[in-house]
Amino acid sequence: MINDEICKLREKLNKSIEAGEDYSIVYKISVELDELIAKYYNEKATMEKNK
């Protein structure tokens, strides 16, 4: 599910930040997470609309 993917990516992002990884890596993960969250809300809105 998308929720699981979001949680895994959020963990990956937090670990990258804690490890002091390069900004470009942290940024890339952050963008991926934002896209997944947007996808989640779009799917949720579509489901609500179709009720």
Protein backbone atom coordinates (compact mmCIF):
# COMPACT_ATOMS: atom_id res chain seq x y z
CA MET A 1 0.00 0.00 0.00
CA ILE A 2 0.97 3.58 -0.47
CA ASN A 3 0.92 4.17 3.31
CA ASP A 4 3.66 1.57 3.78
CA GLU A 5 5.75 3.15 1.03
CA ILE A 6 5.36 6.57 2.65
CA CYS A 7 6.47 5.22 6.04
CA LYS A 8 9.51 3.47 4.56
CA LEU A 9 10.55 6.54 2.61
CA ARG A 10 10.06 8.77 5.66
CA GLU A 11 12.35 6.46 7.65
CA LYS A 12 14.92 6.56 4.86
CA LEU A 13 14.76 10.35 4.82
CA ASN A 14 15.18 10.63 8.58
CA LYS A 15 18.15 8.24 8.57
CA SER A 16 19.79 10.19 5.75
CA ILE A 17 19.40 13.44 7.67
CA GLU A 18 20.72 11.88 10.89
CA ALA A 19 23.68 10.40 9.04
CA GLY A 20 24.54 13.81 7.60
CA GLU A 21 24.31 12.61 4.02
CA ASP A 22 24.86 15.00 1.16
CA TYR A 23 22.09 17.54 0.63
CA SER A 24 21.37 16.28 -2.89
CA ILE A 25 20.55 12.81 -1.55
CA VAL A 26 18.32 14.20 1.22
CA TYR A 27 16.60 16.46 -1.30
CA LYS A 28 15.99 13.60 -3.75
CA ILE A 29 14.38 11.46 -1.04
CA SER A 30 12.32 14.42 0.12
CA VAL A 31 10.99 15.02 -3.39
CA GLU A 32 10.11 11.33 -3.75
CA LEU A 33 8.27 11.46 -0.44
CA ASP A 34 6.35 14.59 -1.48
CA GLU A 35 5.30 12.91 -4.72
CA LEU A 36 4.08 9.82 -2.88
CA ILE A 37 2.10 11.90 -0.40
CA ALA A 38 0.52 13.84 -3.26
CA LYS A 39 -0.38 10.55 -4.97
CA TYR A 40 -1.94 9.30 -1.72
CA TYR A 41 -4.13 12.39 -1.37
CA ASN A 42 -5.12 12.32 -5.04
CA GLU A 43 -6.20 8.70 -4.75
CA LYS A 44 -8.07 9.43 -1.53
CA ALA A 45 -9.87 12.40 -3.12
CA THR A 46 -10.81 10.28 -6.13
CA MET A 47 -12.24 7.58 -3.89
CA GLU A 48 -14.26 10.15 -1.91
CA LYS A 49 -15.54 11.70 -5.12
CA ASN A 50 -16.72 8.35 -6.45
CA LYS A 51 -18.78 7.49 -3.37
